[in-house]
Protein backbone atom coordinates (compact mmCIF):
# COMPACT_ATOMS: atom_id res chain seq x y z
CA UNK A 1 -0.15 -0.01 0.04
CA UNK A 2 0.67 3.39 -0.48
CA UNK A 3 -0.92 6.84 0.45
CA UNK A 4 -0.53 9.46 -2.39
CA UNK A 5 -0.73 13.09 0.02
CA UNK A 6 -1.48 16.28 -1.73
CA UNK A 7 -2.01 18.26 1.51
CA UNK A 8 -0.32 16.32 4.28
CA UNK A 9 -3.02 15.08 6.87
CA UNK A 10 -5.62 16.23 4.65
CA UNK A 11 -7.17 13.52 1.66
CA UNK A 12 -5.79 11.04 1.75
CA UNK A 13 -5.85 8.93 -1.93
CA UNK A 14 -5.15 4.88 -1.27
CA UNK A 15 -2.89 3.23 -4.26
CA UNK A 16 -3.37 0.05 -4.91
CA UNK A 17 -5.08 -0.37 -1.03
CA UNK A 18 -8.00 -1.86 -0.01
CA UNK A 19 -9.07 1.49 2.20
CA UNK A 20 -9.87 1.38 5.64
CA UNK A 21 -8.57 3.62 8.53
CA UNK A 22 -5.49 6.11 8.29
CA UNK A 23 -3.77 8.56 10.89
CA UNK A 24 -1.19 11.70 10.40
CA UNK A 25 1.70 11.53 13.09
CA UNK A 26 3.66 14.99 13.51
CA UNK A 27 6.31 15.75 15.82
CA UNK A 28 5.26 19.68 17.17
CA UNK A 29 9.36 20.29 17.20
CA UNK A 30 11.50 19.35 14.44
CA UNK A 31 14.95 20.29 12.85
CA UNK A 32 14.09 22.33 9.79
CA UNK A 33 16.24 19.94 7.80
CA UNK A 34 14.80 16.65 8.72
CA UNK A 35 15.14 13.43 11.61
CA UNK A 36 17.71 11.48 11.72
CA UNK A 37 15.32 8.44 13.01
CA UNK A 38 12.41 7.93 14.28
CA UNK A 39 10.69 4.79 16.06
CA UNK A 40 7.02 3.72 15.44
CA UNK A 41 5.47 1.30 17.56
CA UNK A 42 2.50 -1.39 17.46
CA UNK A 43 0.71 -3.47 19.48
CA UNK A 44 -0.93 -6.67 18.57
CA UNK A 45 -2.19 -8.16 21.75
CA UNK A 46 -5.96 -8.76 19.84
CA UNK A 47 -5.42 -9.18 16.02
CA UNK A 48 -6.16 -13.28 15.06
CA UNK A 49 -3.02 -14.88 14.54
CA UNK A 50 -4.02 -15.09 10.06
CA UNK A 51 -2.55 -13.20 6.89
CA UNK A 52 -4.36 -10.32 5.83
CA UNK A 53 -4.09 -6.78 7.80
CA UNK A 54 -1.07 -4.46 7.81
CA UNK A 55 -0.49 -1.73 10.26
CA UNK A 56 2.12 1.12 8.69
CA UNK A 57 3.23 3.89 8.78
CA UNK A 58 4.55 6.31 6.16
CA UNK A 59 7.55 8.40 6.10
CA UNK A 60 8.81 10.83 2.73
CA UNK A 61 12.55 12.33 2.72
CA UNK A 62 13.72 15.67 1.46
CA UNK A 63 14.42 15.79 -1.96
CA UNK A 64 13.16 13.05 -3.23
CA UNK A 65 9.52 12.47 -4.71
CA UNK A 66 8.14 8.82 -3.07
CA UNK A 67 7.43 7.41 0.55
CA UNK A 68 8.80 4.52 2.48
CA UNK A 69 6.75 2.92 5.00
CA UNK A 70 7.41 -0.02 7.53
CA UNK A 71 5.34 -1.84 10.00
CA UNK A 72 3.81 -4.89 11.37
CA UNK A 73 1.75 -7.63 9.81
CA UNK A 74 -0.07 -11.47 11.78
CA UNK A 75 0.82 -14.43 10.18
CA UNK A 76 -0.54 -17.50 10.94
CA UNK A 77 0.76 -19.89 13.83
CA UNK A 78 3.37 -21.70 12.87
CA UNK A 79 4.59 -24.90 14.43
CA UNK A 80 3.40 -23.77 18.32
CA UNK A 81 4.92 -20.39 17.54
CA UNK A 82 3.50 -17.49 17.08
CA UNK A 83 4.87 -15.48 14.12
CA UNK A 84 4.98 -11.99 13.72
CA UNK A 85 6.12 -10.16 9.89
CA UNK A 86 8.02 -7.10 9.87
CA UNK A 87 8.60 -4.86 6.59
CA UNK A 88 9.60 -1.66 5.76
CA UNK A 89 10.61 -0.18 1.86
CA UNK A 90 11.06 2.43 -0.03
CA UNK A 91 8.55 3.36 -3.29
CA UNK A 92 11.61 5.29 -4.63
CA UNK A 93 13.25 4.88 -7.47
CA UNK A 94 16.52 4.62 -8.29
CA UNK A 95 16.64 3.22 -4.50
CA UNK A 96 19.09 -0.52 -4.29
CA UNK A 97 19.71 -2.65 -1.36
CA UNK A 98 22.56 -5.60 -1.18
CA UNK A 99 20.48 -6.78 2.17
CA UNK A 100 19.57 -10.53 2.03
CA UNK A 101 15.59 -9.86 3.17
CA UNK A 102 15.74 -7.34 0.67
CA UNK A 103 14.50 -6.98 -3.10
CA UNK A 104 13.75 -4.66 -6.11
CA UNK A 105 10.47 -3.21 -6.37
CA UNK A 106 7.34 -2.58 -3.60
CA UNK A 107 4.02 -3.36 -4.91
CA UNK A 108 4.41 -3.62 -8.50
CA UNK A 109 6.35 -0.26 -8.86
CA UNK A 110 10.19 0.70 -8.19
CA UNK A 111 12.08 0.80 -4.91
CA UNK A 112 12.90 -1.80 -2.52
CA UNK A 113 11.10 -4.53 -0.14
CA UNK A 114 12.36 -5.71 3.15
CA UNK A 115 10.66 -7.90 5.30
CA UNK A 116 11.46 -10.24 8.28
CA UNK A 117 9.13 -13.17 10.13
CA UNK A 118 10.21 -13.71 13.44
CA UNK A 119 8.82 -15.50 16.54
CA UNK A 120 7.34 -13.74 18.85
CA UNK A 121 4.52 -12.59 21.40
CA UNK A 122 1.30 -10.25 20.23
CA UNK A 123 0.90 -9.09 23.63
CA UNK A 124 4.19 -7.75 23.74
CA UNK A 125 4.71 -4.09 21.96
CA UNK A 126 7.20 -3.46 18.79
CA UNK A 127 8.57 -0.85 17.44
CA UNK A 128 10.18 -0.24 13.68
CA UNK A 129 13.05 1.77 14.21
CA UNK A 130 14.38 3.86 10.94
CA UNK A 131 17.40 5.06 11.04
CA UNK A 132 20.24 6.48 8.99
CA UNK A 133 23.39 4.37 8.96
CA UNK A 134 25.42 6.35 6.75
CA UNK A 135 24.71 8.91 3.68
CA UNK A 136 21.61 8.16 1.52
CA UNK A 137 21.52 4.71 3.30
CA UNK A 138 18.24 3.79 5.34
CA UNK A 139 17.89 0.70 8.08
CA UNK A 140 14.66 -0.53 9.85
CA UNK A 141 15.29 -2.58 12.91
CA UNK A 142 12.36 -4.09 14.89
CA UNK A 143 12.68 -4.37 18.18
CA UNK A 144 10.72 -5.71 21.49
CA UNK A 145 10.52 -3.46 23.70
CA UNK A 146 10.34 -5.93 26.56
CA UNK A 147 13.08 -8.03 26.03
CA UNK A 148 15.10 -5.29 23.63
CA UNK A 149 15.63 -7.87 21.43
CA UNK A 150 16.74 -6.56 17.82
CA UNK A 151 15.96 -7.41 14.45
CA UNK A 152 17.50 -6.27 11.46
CA UNK A 153 14.76 -6.27 8.53
CA UNK A 154 16.47 -4.04 6.04
CA UNK A 155 18.33 -1.79 4.50
CA UNK A 156 18.69 0.21 1.57
CA UNK A 157 20.42 3.70 0.16
CA UNK A 158 18.29 6.68 -1.82
CA UNK A 159 19.20 7.83 -4.41
CA UNK A 160 21.87 10.65 -4.26
CA UNK A 161 20.99 14.00 -2.78
CA UNK A 162 18.36 12.22 -0.72
CA UNK A 163 17.49 14.22 2.44
CA UNK A 164 16.99 13.07 6.51
CA UNK A 165 13.27 12.24 7.36
CA UNK A 166 10.20 14.64 6.61
CA UNK A 167 8.63 15.61 9.73
CA UNK A 168 5.13 14.65 9.39
CA UNK A 169 2.65 11.86 7.32
CA UNK A 170 0.75 9.38 7.83
CA UNK A 171 -0.46 5.68 8.44
CA UNK A 172 -2.92 3.02 7.31
CA UNK A 173 -4.75 -0.42 8.72
CA UNK A 174 -5.22 -1.95 5.08
CA UNK A 175 -7.44 -5.54 4.75
CA UNK A 176 -4.21 -6.01 1.80
CA UNK A 177 -6.11 -9.35 0.95
CA UNK A 178 -9.70 -7.87 -0.28
CA UNK A 179 -7.12 -6.01 -2.96
CA UNK A 180 -7.70 -8.09 -6.00
CA UNK A 181 -10.39 -6.69 -7.49
CA UNK A 182 -13.05 -8.57 -6.31
CA UNK A 183 -16.35 -6.96 -5.04
CA UNK A 184 -16.52 -7.55 -0.83
CA UNK A 185 -19.06 -6.79 1.04
CA UNK A 186 -17.78 -4.49 4.05
CA UNK A 187 -20.23 -6.49 6.65
CA UNK A 188 -17.76 -8.99 5.65
CA UNK A 189 -14.58 -7.34 7.18
CA UNK A 190 -12.80 -10.27 10.00
CA UNK A 191 -12.50 -8.48 12.87
CA UNK A 192 -9.02 -7.33 14.13
CA UNK A 193 -7.85 -4.52 16.70
CA UNK A 194 -4.22 -2.87 16.88
CA UNK A 195 -2.56 -0.57 18.96
CA UNK A 196 -0.67 2.33 17.29
CA UNK A 197 1.97 4.56 19.43
CA UNK A 198 3.30 8.38 19.15
CA UNK A 199 5.94 7.84 17.17
CA UNK A 200 9.80 9.53 19.06
CA UNK A 201 12.90 10.38 17.92
CA UNK A 202 16.46 10.50 19.07
CA UNK A 203 17.41 13.06 16.59
CA UNK A 204 18.50 16.84 18.58
CA UNK A 205 16.12 18.85 18.84
CA UNK A 206 12.64 16.67 18.15
CA UNK A 207 10.02 16.00 20.12
CA UNK A 208 6.10 16.15 20.71
CA UNK A 209 5.98 13.12 17.99
CA UNK A 210 1.93 12.11 18.33
CA UNK A 211 -0.25 10.64 16.20
CA UNK A 212 -2.54 13.63 15.46
CA UNK A 213 -5.71 12.35 14.31
CA UNK A 214 -7.28 9.00 13.27
CA UNK A 215 -9.90 8.77 10.67
CA UNK A 216 -11.93 5.91 8.65
CA UNK A 217 -11.79 6.49 4.38
CA UNK A 218 -12.25 4.61 1.59
CA UNK A 219 -15.57 2.07 0.25
CA UNK A 220 -16.63 0.84 3.94
CA UNK A 221 -16.38 4.03 5.71
CA UNK A 222 -19.36 3.50 8.22
CA UNK A 223 -19.42 -0.11 7.42
CA UNK A 224 -16.83 -1.70 9.70
CA UNK A 225 -17.69 -1.20 13.18
CA UNK A 226 -14.60 1.05 13.55
CA UNK A 227 -13.48 2.84 16.26
CA UNK A 228 -10.41 4.69 17.20
CA UNK A 229 -9.72 5.08 21.58
CA UNK A 230 -7.58 8.02 22.41
CA UNK A 231 -4.45 6.49 25.30
CA UNK A 232 -2.38 8.78 27.32
CA UNK A 233 0.53 7.79 24.68
CA UNK A 234 -1.72 5.34 21.81
CA UNK A 235 -4.99 4.75 19.62
CA UNK A 236 -6.44 1.83 20.03
CA UNK A 237 -7.79 1.09 16.16
CA UNK A 238 -10.32 -1.63 15.91
CA UNK A 239 -11.95 -2.49 12.35
CA UNK A 240 -14.64 -5.60 11.34
CA UNK A 241 -16.92 -8.48 12.75
């Protein structure tokens, strides 16, 4: 999935994806030239252990056009283990990678997609750290906040001249199994729940990271039992039956 934004946090139009829930994120204060890193955290404690949903946050970079995103997807249990799938992708043409978790292309277009599956407890909070590791190269790392165990999701290099992460973008909840071109009744959407935490950053001068709003959009607005409950540092999002 990829959002195209004509005005940040305004009308968000989905591209090649089944639209359900969007969110905005931004830091109250951040350096004008952007962020060296950003961390997006999620909890999927009540999400069914089934493929189909993607919980993600999107970001873009100064001096290049297209976006990146990172997030989590539930998976079926395997041999008694619970499996968590993490993704880290760039849609920017000219992005390159030699990392073993990555391959060329993103949603059928240019860019690079990286992913990893881990054995993990859905009750834990997981953080996806997007960090500059030199020049125009960025690494995505999945961290279990309880155990502090890190797993590199992937690493890619943007074209020359690409800058730091722009302060502010959007995120989404997507049911990608409905991206098959077939008609689907909104009242048959499978249930899921996920908690999206406010973004954080270690960049000097960055503070006050927030999810600014959560909203329904697309063809099933008002038809999928959507709710977004604001918490102290997060939003708990539910959709489906």
